[in-house]
Amino acid sequence: MSAEFDIAETLDVKGESCPMPVVKTKGAIDGLAAGDILEVLATDSGSMSDIDGWASGTDGVELVEQEERGDVYKHYVRKME
């Protein structure tokens, strides 16, 4: 898969471990407008399930796509409301 999105903001949480990628993703998404997409760059492999679980259980956000590029995990989260 290759992400082709209009990215509103990129959040770099490389080198951070659980729970910081999710905590910082939530903080960044709160500052975006409805419809904006946040790109999250992480090196914690657990961020794949952590951000998926957070987005699934959080109203107003949608996990659009995740991909693994070498040792970097990319997450694309859309603010819905």
PDB file of N, CA and C in Angstrom:
ATOM      1  N   MET A   1       0.846  -1.188   0.000  1.00  0.00           N
ATOM      2  CA  MET A   1       0.000   0.000   0.000  1.00  0.00           C
ATOM      3  C   MET A   1       0.882   1.239   0.000  1.00  0.00           C
ATOM      4  N   SER A   2       0.399   2.244  -0.642  1.00  0.00           N
ATOM      5  CA  SER A   2       1.108   3.513  -0.676  1.00  0.00           C
ATOM      6  C   SER A   2       0.120   4.623  -0.363  1.00  0.00           C
ATOM      7  N   ALA A   3       0.442   5.382   0.643  1.00  0.00           N
ATOM      8  CA  ALA A   3      -0.473   6.428   1.084  1.00  0.00           C
ATOM      9  C   ALA A   3      -0.336   7.660   0.194  1.00  0.00           C
ATOM     10  N   GLU A   4      -1.441   8.095  -0.336  1.00  0.00           N
ATOM     11  CA  GLU A   4      -1.498   9.314  -1.142  1.00  0.00           C
ATOM     12  C   GLU A   4      -2.609  10.175  -0.565  1.00  0.00           C
ATOM     13  N   PHE A   5      -2.279  10.916   0.470  1.00  0.00           N
ATOM     14  CA  PHE A   5      -3.267  11.725   1.159  1.00  0.00           C
ATOM     15  C   PHE A   5      -2.816  13.177   1.188  1.00  0.00           C
ATOM     16  N   ASP A   6      -3.766  14.067   1.377  1.00  0.00           N
ATOM     17  CA  ASP A   6      -3.465  15.470   1.596  1.00  0.00           C
ATOM     18  C   ASP A   6      -3.213  15.625   3.100  1.00  0.00           C
ATOM     19  N   ILE A   7      -1.954  15.594   3.474  1.00  0.00           N
ATOM     20  CA  ILE A   7      -1.559  15.589   4.878  1.00  0.00           C
ATOM     21  C   ILE A   7      -1.619  17.010   5.440  1.00  0.00           C
ATOM     22  N   ALA A   8      -2.376  17.187   6.519  1.00  0.00           N
ATOM     23  CA  ALA A   8      -2.469  18.501   7.156  1.00  0.00           C
ATOM     24  C   ALA A   8      -1.276  18.744   8.074  1.00  0.00           C
ATOM     25  N   GLU A   9      -0.792  17.672   8.713  1.00  0.00           N
ATOM     26  CA  GLU A   9       0.300  17.808   9.674  1.00  0.00           C
ATOM     27  C   GLU A   9       0.997  16.465   9.812  1.00  0.00           C
ATOM     28  N   THR A  10       2.305  16.510  10.085  1.00  0.00           N
ATOM     29  CA  THR A  10       3.069  15.288  10.354  1.00  0.00           C
ATOM     30  C   THR A  10       3.559  15.341  11.790  1.00  0.00           C
ATOM     31  N   LEU A  11       3.343  14.240  12.501  1.00  0.00           N
ATOM     32  CA  LEU A  11       3.777  14.102  13.892  1.00  0.00           C
ATOM     33  C   LEU A  11       4.878  13.056  13.926  1.00  0.00           C
ATOM     34  N   ASP A  12       6.067  13.447  14.388  1.00  0.00           N
ATOM     35  CA  ASP A  12       7.206  12.542  14.464  1.00  0.00           C
ATOM     36  C   ASP A  12       7.361  12.064  15.905  1.00  0.00           C
ATOM     37  N   VAL A  13       7.034  10.790  16.140  1.00  0.00           N
ATOM     38  CA  VAL A  13       7.199  10.206  17.474  1.00  0.00           C
ATOM     39  C   VAL A  13       8.217   9.061  17.416  1.00  0.00           C
ATOM     40  N   LYS A  14       9.134   9.136  16.448  1.00  0.00           N
ATOM     41  CA  LYS A  14      10.164   8.106  16.340  1.00  0.00           C
ATOM     42  C   LYS A  14      11.014   8.109  17.610  1.00  0.00           C
ATOM     43  N   GLY A  15      11.314   6.916  18.099  1.00  0.00           N
ATOM     44  CA  GLY A  15      12.106   6.779  19.311  1.00  0.00           C
ATOM     45  C   GLY A  15      11.280   6.764  20.581  1.00  0.00           C
ATOM     46  N   GLU A  16       9.992   7.019  20.471  1.00  0.00           N
ATOM     47  CA  GLU A  16       9.095   7.025  21.638  1.00  0.00           C
ATOM     48  C   GLU A  16       8.405   5.671  21.738  1.00  0.00           C
ATOM     49  N   SER A  17       8.173   5.227  22.965  1.00  0.00           N
ATOM     50  CA  SER A  17       7.486   3.952  23.155  1.00  0.00           C
ATOM     51  C   SER A  17       6.149   4.184  23.842  1.00  0.00           C
ATOM     52  N   CYS A  18       5.343   3.132  23.860  1.00  0.00           N
ATOM     53  CA  CYS A  18       4.011   3.169  24.436  1.00  0.00           C
ATOM     54  C   CYS A  18       4.050   3.777  25.838  1.00  0.00           C
ATOM     55  N   PRO A  19       3.155   4.681  26.139  1.00  0.00           N
ATOM     56  CA  PRO A  19       1.961   5.085  25.386  1.00  0.00           C
ATOM     57  C   PRO A  19       2.136   6.386  24.615  1.00  0.00           C
ATOM     58  N   MET A  20       3.356   6.909  24.523  1.00  0.00           N
ATOM     59  CA  MET A  20       3.551   8.257  23.976  1.00  0.00           C
ATOM     60  C   MET A  20       3.077   8.440  22.534  1.00  0.00           C
ATOM     61  N   PRO A  21       3.261   7.479  21.614  1.00  0.00           N
ATOM     62  CA  PRO A  21       2.720   7.710  20.267  1.00  0.00           C
ATOM     63  C   PRO A  21       1.212   7.985  20.272  1.00  0.00           C
ATOM     64  N   VAL A  22       0.461   7.259  21.082  1.00  0.00           N
ATOM     65  CA  VAL A  22      -0.988   7.477  21.145  1.00  0.00           C
ATOM     66  C   VAL A  22      -1.298   8.802  21.841  1.00  0.00           C
ATOM     67  N   VAL A  23      -0.615   9.086  22.939  1.00  0.00           N
ATOM     68  CA  VAL A  23      -0.851  10.328  23.685  1.00  0.00           C
ATOM     69  C   VAL A  23      -0.586  11.536  22.789  1.00  0.00           C
ATOM     70  N   LYS A  24       0.525  11.509  22.073  1.00  0.00           N
ATOM     71  CA  LYS A  24       0.878  12.644  21.211  1.00  0.00           C
ATOM     72  C   LYS A  24      -0.018  12.712  19.976  1.00  0.00           C
ATOM     73  N   THR A  25      -0.459  11.554  19.477  1.00  0.00           N
ATOM     74  CA  THR A  25      -1.391  11.549  18.346  1.00  0.00           C
ATOM     75  C   THR A  25      -2.701  12.214  18.751  1.00  0.00           C
ATOM     76  N   LYS A  26      -3.205  11.857  19.927  1.00  0.00           N
ATOM     77  CA  LYS A  26      -4.445  12.470  20.407  1.00  0.00           C
ATOM     78  C   LYS A  26      -4.295  13.978  20.530  1.00  0.00           C
ATOM     79  N   GLY A  27      -3.185  14.427  21.096  1.00  0.00           N
ATOM     80  CA  GLY A  27      -2.945  15.864  21.243  1.00  0.00           C
ATOM     81  C   GLY A  27      -2.873  16.577  19.907  1.00  0.00           C
ATOM     82  N   ALA A  28      -2.233  15.956  18.935  1.00  0.00           N
ATOM     83  CA  ALA A  28      -2.096  16.583  17.618  1.00  0.00           C
ATOM     84  C   ALA A  28      -3.424  16.605  16.874  1.00  0.00           C
ATOM     85  N   ILE A  29      -4.195  15.529  16.968  1.00  0.00           N
ATOM     86  CA  ILE A  29      -5.473  15.456  16.243  1.00  0.00           C
ATOM     87  C   ILE A  29      -6.461  16.467  16.808  1.00  0.00           C
ATOM     88  N   ASP A  30      -6.376  16.732  18.107  1.00  0.00           N
ATOM     89  CA  ASP A  30      -7.273  17.707  18.728  1.00  0.00           C
ATOM     90  C   ASP A  30      -7.103  19.098  18.127  1.00  0.00           C
ATOM     91  N   GLY A  31      -5.918  19.403  17.616  1.00  0.00           N
ATOM     92  CA  GLY A  31      -5.646  20.721  17.059  1.00  0.00           C
ATOM     93  C   GLY A  31      -5.981  20.863  15.585  1.00  0.00           C
ATOM     94  N   LEU A  32      -6.471  19.795  14.969  1.00  0.00           N
ATOM     95  CA  LEU A  32      -6.771  19.840  13.536  1.00  0.00           C
ATOM     96  C   LEU A  32      -8.243  20.149  13.278  1.00  0.00           C
ATOM     97  N   ALA A  33      -8.527  20.547  12.058  1.00  0.00           N
ATOM     98  CA  ALA A  33      -9.912  20.808  11.643  1.00  0.00           C
ATOM     99  C   ALA A  33     -10.540  19.515  11.133  1.00  0.00           C
ATOM    100  N   ALA A  34     -11.856  19.456  11.151  1.00  0.00           N
ATOM    101  CA  ALA A  34     -12.579  18.291  10.645  1.00  0.00           C
ATOM    102  C   ALA A  34     -12.168  18.001   9.207  1.00  0.00           C
ATOM    103  N   GLY A  35     -11.879  16.740   8.927  1.00  0.00           N
ATOM    104  CA  GLY A  35     -11.474  16.323   7.594  1.00  0.00           C
ATOM    105  C   GLY A  35      -9.977  16.287   7.392  1.00  0.00           C
ATOM    106  N   ASP A  36      -9.215  16.935   8.280  1.00  0.00           N
ATOM    107  CA  ASP A  36      -7.752  16.944   8.166  1.00  0.00           C
ATOM    108  C   ASP A  36      -7.185  15.568   8.470  1.00  0.00           C
ATOM    109  N   ILE A  37      -6.065  15.256   7.822  1.00  0.00           N
ATOM    110  CA  ILE A  37      -5.377  13.990   8.050  1.00  0.00           C
ATOM    111  C   ILE A  37      -4.030  14.254   8.699  1.00  0.00           C
ATOM    112  N   LEU A  38      -3.779  13.517   9.777  1.00  0.00           N
ATOM    113  CA  LEU A  38      -2.520  13.576  10.510  1.00  0.00           C
ATOM    114  C   LEU A  38      -1.685  12.367  10.116  1.00  0.00           C
ATOM    115  N   GLU A  39      -0.447  12.619   9.704  1.00  0.00           N
ATOM    116  CA  GLU A  39       0.506  11.543   9.443  1.00  0.00           C
ATOM    117  C   GLU A  39       1.359  11.375  10.697  1.00  0.00           C
ATOM    118  N   VAL A  40       1.425  10.151  11.216  1.00  0.00           N
ATOM    119  CA  VAL A  40       2.207   9.865  12.415  1.00  0.00           C
ATOM    120  C   VAL A  40       3.347   8.932  12.015  1.00  0.00           C
ATOM    121  N   LEU A  41       4.580   9.323  12.350  1.00  0.00           N
ATOM    122  CA  LEU A  41       5.766   8.514  12.061  1.00  0.00           C
ATOM    123  C   LEU A  41       6.293   7.958  13.373  1.00  0.00           C
ATOM    124  N   ALA A  42       6.346   6.623  13.488  1.00  0.00           N
ATOM    125  CA  ALA A  42       6.762   5.985  14.733  1.00  0.00           C
ATOM    126  C   ALA A  42       7.766   4.872  14.440  1.00  0.00           C
ATOM    127  N   THR A  43       8.571   4.523  15.441  1.00  0.00           N
ATOM    128  CA  THR A  43       9.493   3.401  15.324  1.00  0.00           C
ATOM    129  C   THR A  43       9.100   2.264  16.259  1.00  0.00           C
ATOM    130  N   ASP A  44       8.114   2.477  17.102  1.00  0.00           N
ATOM    131  CA  ASP A  44       7.621   1.460  18.026  1.00  0.00           C
ATOM    132  C   ASP A  44       6.664   0.544  17.277  1.00  0.00           C
ATOM    133  N   SER A  45       7.022  -0.742  17.114  1.00  0.00           N
ATOM    134  CA  SER A  45       6.157  -1.657  16.371  1.00  0.00           C
ATOM    135  C   SER A  45       4.793  -1.803  17.029  1.00  0.00           C
ATOM    136  N   GLY A  46       4.722  -1.605  18.326  1.00  0.00           N
ATOM    137  CA  GLY A  46       3.452  -1.671  19.041  1.00  0.00           C
ATOM    138  C   GLY A  46       2.504  -0.557  18.656  1.00  0.00           C
ATOM    139  N   SER A  47       3.026   0.492  18.025  1.00  0.00           N
ATOM    140  CA  SER A  47       2.159   1.609  17.620  1.00  0.00           C
ATOM    141  C   SER A  47       1.134   1.162  16.585  1.00  0.00           C
ATOM    142  N   MET A  48       1.425   0.094  15.842  1.00  0.00           N
ATOM    143  CA  MET A  48       0.468  -0.398  14.842  1.00  0.00           C
ATOM    144  C   MET A  48      -0.840  -0.802  15.524  1.00  0.00           C
ATOM    145  N   SER A  49      -0.755  -1.603  16.567  1.00  0.00           N
ATOM    146  CA  SER A  49      -1.970  -2.027  17.261  1.00  0.00           C
ATOM    147  C   SER A  49      -2.479  -0.948  18.206  1.00  0.00           C
ATOM    148  N   ASP A  50      -1.565  -0.187  18.819  1.00  0.00           N
ATOM    149  CA  ASP A  50      -1.977   0.843  19.775  1.00  0.00           C
ATOM    150  C   ASP A  50      -2.801   1.936  19.107  1.00  0.00           C
ATOM    151  N   ILE A  51      -2.331   2.460  17.986  1.00  0.00           N
ATOM    152  CA  ILE A  51      -3.048   3.548  17.312  1.00  0.00           C
ATOM    153  C   ILE A  51      -4.328   3.016  16.671  1.00  0.00           C
ATOM    154  N   ASP A  52      -4.287   1.787  16.165  1.00  0.00           N
ATOM    155  CA  ASP A  52      -5.499   1.165  15.620  1.00  0.00           C
ATOM    156  C   ASP A  52      -6.556   1.041  16.715  1.00  0.00           C
ATOM    157  N   GLY A  53      -6.164   0.534  17.862  1.00  0.00           N
ATOM    158  CA  GLY A  53      -7.108   0.371  18.973  1.00  0.00           C
ATOM    159  C   GLY A  53      -7.643   1.691  19.473  1.00  0.00           C
ATOM    160  N   TRP A  54      -6.762   2.693  19.566  1.00  0.00           N
ATOM    161  CA  TRP A  54      -7.193   4.021  20.020  1.00  0.00           C
ATOM    162  C   TRP A  54      -8.208   4.608  19.046  1.00  0.00           C
ATOM    163  N   ALA A  55      -7.907   4.538  17.741  1.00  0.00           N
ATOM    164  CA  ALA A  55      -8.802   5.118  16.736  1.00  0.00           C
ATOM    165  C   ALA A  55     -10.144   4.379  16.712  1.00  0.00           C
ATOM    166  N   SER A  56     -10.111   3.060  16.864  1.00  0.00           N
ATOM    167  CA  SER A  56     -11.349   2.276  16.859  1.00  0.00           C
ATOM    168  C   SER A  56     -12.257   2.632  18.027  1.00  0.00           C
ATOM    169  N   GLY A  57     -11.659   2.969  19.154  1.00  0.00           N
ATOM    170  CA  GLY A  57     -12.432   3.267  20.346  1.00  0.00           C
ATOM    171  C   GLY A  57     -12.668   4.741  20.610  1.00  0.00           C
ATOM    172  N   THR A  58     -12.281   5.591  19.669  1.00  0.00           N
ATOM    173  CA  THR A  58     -12.391   7.036  19.860  1.00  0.00           C
ATOM    174  C   THR A  58     -13.349   7.633  18.842  1.00  0.00           C
ATOM    175  N   ASP A  59     -14.393   8.280  19.329  1.00  0.00           N
ATOM    176  CA  ASP A  59     -15.322   8.970  18.436  1.00  0.00           C
ATOM    177  C   ASP A  59     -14.623  10.154  17.787  1.00  0.00           C
ATOM    178  N   GLY A  60     -14.924  10.391  16.528  1.00  0.00           N
ATOM    179  CA  GLY A  60     -14.428  11.585  15.845  1.00  0.00           C
ATOM    180  C   GLY A  60     -13.093  11.411  15.145  1.00  0.00           C
ATOM    181  N   VAL A  61     -12.543  10.198  15.152  1.00  0.00           N
ATOM    182  CA  VAL A  61     -11.313   9.938  14.407  1.00  0.00           C
ATOM    183  C   VAL A  61     -11.465   8.660  13.604  1.00  0.00           C
ATOM    184  N   GLU A  62     -10.734   8.587  12.502  1.00  0.00           N
ATOM    185  CA  GLU A  62     -10.744   7.404  11.641  1.00  0.00           C
ATOM    186  C   GLU A  62      -9.316   7.079  11.255  1.00  0.00           C
ATOM    187  N   LEU A  63      -8.906   5.841  11.480  1.00  0.00           N
ATOM    188  CA  LEU A  63      -7.604   5.384  11.013  1.00  0.00           C
ATOM    189  C   LEU A  63      -7.765   5.040   9.534  1.00  0.00           C
ATOM    190  N   VAL A  64      -7.154   5.845   8.676  1.00  0.00           N
ATOM    191  CA  VAL A  64      -7.323   5.696   7.237  1.00  0.00           C
ATOM    192  C   VAL A  64      -6.422   4.593   6.696  1.00  0.00           C
ATOM    193  N   GLU A  65      -5.174   4.572   7.152  1.00  0.00           N
ATOM    194  CA  GLU A  65      -4.216   3.592   6.650  1.00  0.00           C
ATOM    195  C   GLU A  65      -3.025   3.510   7.587  1.00  0.00           C
ATOM    196  N   GLN A  66      -2.370   2.352   7.579  1.00  0.00           N
ATOM    197  CA  GLN A  66      -1.098   2.163   8.271  1.00  0.00           C
ATOM    198  C   GLN A  66      -0.171   1.452   7.306  1.00  0.00           C
ATOM    199  N   GLU A  67       1.108   1.762   7.389  1.00  0.00           N
ATOM    200  CA  GLU A  67       2.077   1.059   6.561  1.00  0.00           C
ATOM    201  C   GLU A  67       3.408   0.983   7.286  1.00  0.00           C
ATOM    202  N   GLU A  68       4.172  -0.028   6.933  1.00  0.00           N
ATOM    203  CA  GLU A  68       5.501  -0.217   7.516  1.00  0.00           C
ATOM    204  C   GLU A  68       6.519   0.031   6.426  1.00  0.00           C
ATOM    205  N   ARG A  69       7.435   0.944   6.684  1.00  0.00           N
ATOM    206  CA  ARG A  69       8.503   1.266   5.740  1.00  0.00           C
ATOM    207  C   ARG A  69       9.829   1.059   6.459  1.00  0.00           C
ATOM    208  N   GLY A  70      10.403  -0.121   6.306  1.00  0.00           N
ATOM    209  CA  GLY A  70      11.642  -0.423   7.018  1.00  0.00           C
ATOM    210  C   GLY A  70      11.368  -0.449   8.509  1.00  0.00           C
ATOM    211  N   ASP A  71      12.036   0.426   9.246  1.00  0.00           N
ATOM    212  CA  ASP A  71      11.826   0.472  10.697  1.00  0.00           C
ATOM    213  C   ASP A  71      10.921   1.623  11.108  1.00  0.00           C
ATOM    214  N   VAL A  72      10.225   2.225  10.139  1.00  0.00           N
ATOM    215  CA  VAL A  72       9.302   3.320  10.441  1.00  0.00           C
ATOM    216  C   VAL A  72       7.872   2.867  10.133  1.00  0.00           C
ATOM    217  N   TYR A  73       6.999   3.120  11.093  1.00  0.00           N
ATOM    218  CA  TYR A  73       5.583   2.788  10.956  1.00  0.00           C
ATOM    219  C   TYR A  73       4.834   4.093  10.716  1.00  0.00           C
ATOM    220  N   LYS A  74       4.067   4.119   9.629  1.00  0.00           N
ATOM    221  CA  LYS A  74       3.322   5.327   9.274  1.00  0.00           C
ATOM    222  C   LYS A  74       1.836   5.081   9.510  1.00  0.00           C
ATOM    223  N   HIS A  75       1.218   6.044  10.160  1.00  0.00           N
ATOM    224  CA  HIS A  75      -0.205   5.971  10.477  1.00  0.00           C
ATOM    225  C   HIS A  75      -0.863   7.229   9.920  1.00  0.00           C
ATOM    226  N   TYR A  76      -2.027   7.073   9.317  1.00  0.00           N
ATOM    227  CA  TYR A  76      -2.771   8.201   8.762  1.00  0.00           C
ATOM    228  C   TYR A  76      -4.122   8.245   9.439  1.00  0.00           C
ATOM    229  N   VAL A  77      -4.340   9.295  10.218  1.00  0.00           N
ATOM    230  CA  VAL A  77      -5.550   9.428  11.022  1.00  0.00           C
ATOM    231  C   VAL A  77      -6.314  10.675  10.583  1.00  0.00           C
ATOM    232  N   ARG A  78      -7.605  10.501  10.289  1.00  0.00           N
ATOM    233  CA  ARG A  78      -8.454  11.623   9.875  1.00  0.00           C
ATOM    234  C   ARG A  78      -9.317  12.074  11.042  1.00  0.00           C
ATOM    235  N   LYS A  79      -9.369  13.391  11.257  1.00  0.00           N
ATOM    236  CA  LYS A  79     -10.284  13.954  12.251  1.00  0.00           C
ATOM    237  C   LYS A  79     -11.643  14.081  11.580  1.00  0.00           C
ATOM    238  N   MET A  80     -12.643  13.491  12.194  1.00  0.00           N
ATOM    239  CA  MET A  80     -13.973  13.441  11.584  1.00  0.00           C
ATOM    240  C   MET A  80     -14.889  14.580  11.999  1.00  0.00           C
ATOM    241  N   GLU A  81     -14.706  15.115  13.190  1.00  0.00           N
ATOM    242  CA  GLU A  81     -15.629  16.162  13.643  1.00  0.00           C
ATOM    243  C   GLU A  81     -14.893  17.262  14.349  1.00  0.00           C
TER     244      GLU A  81
END
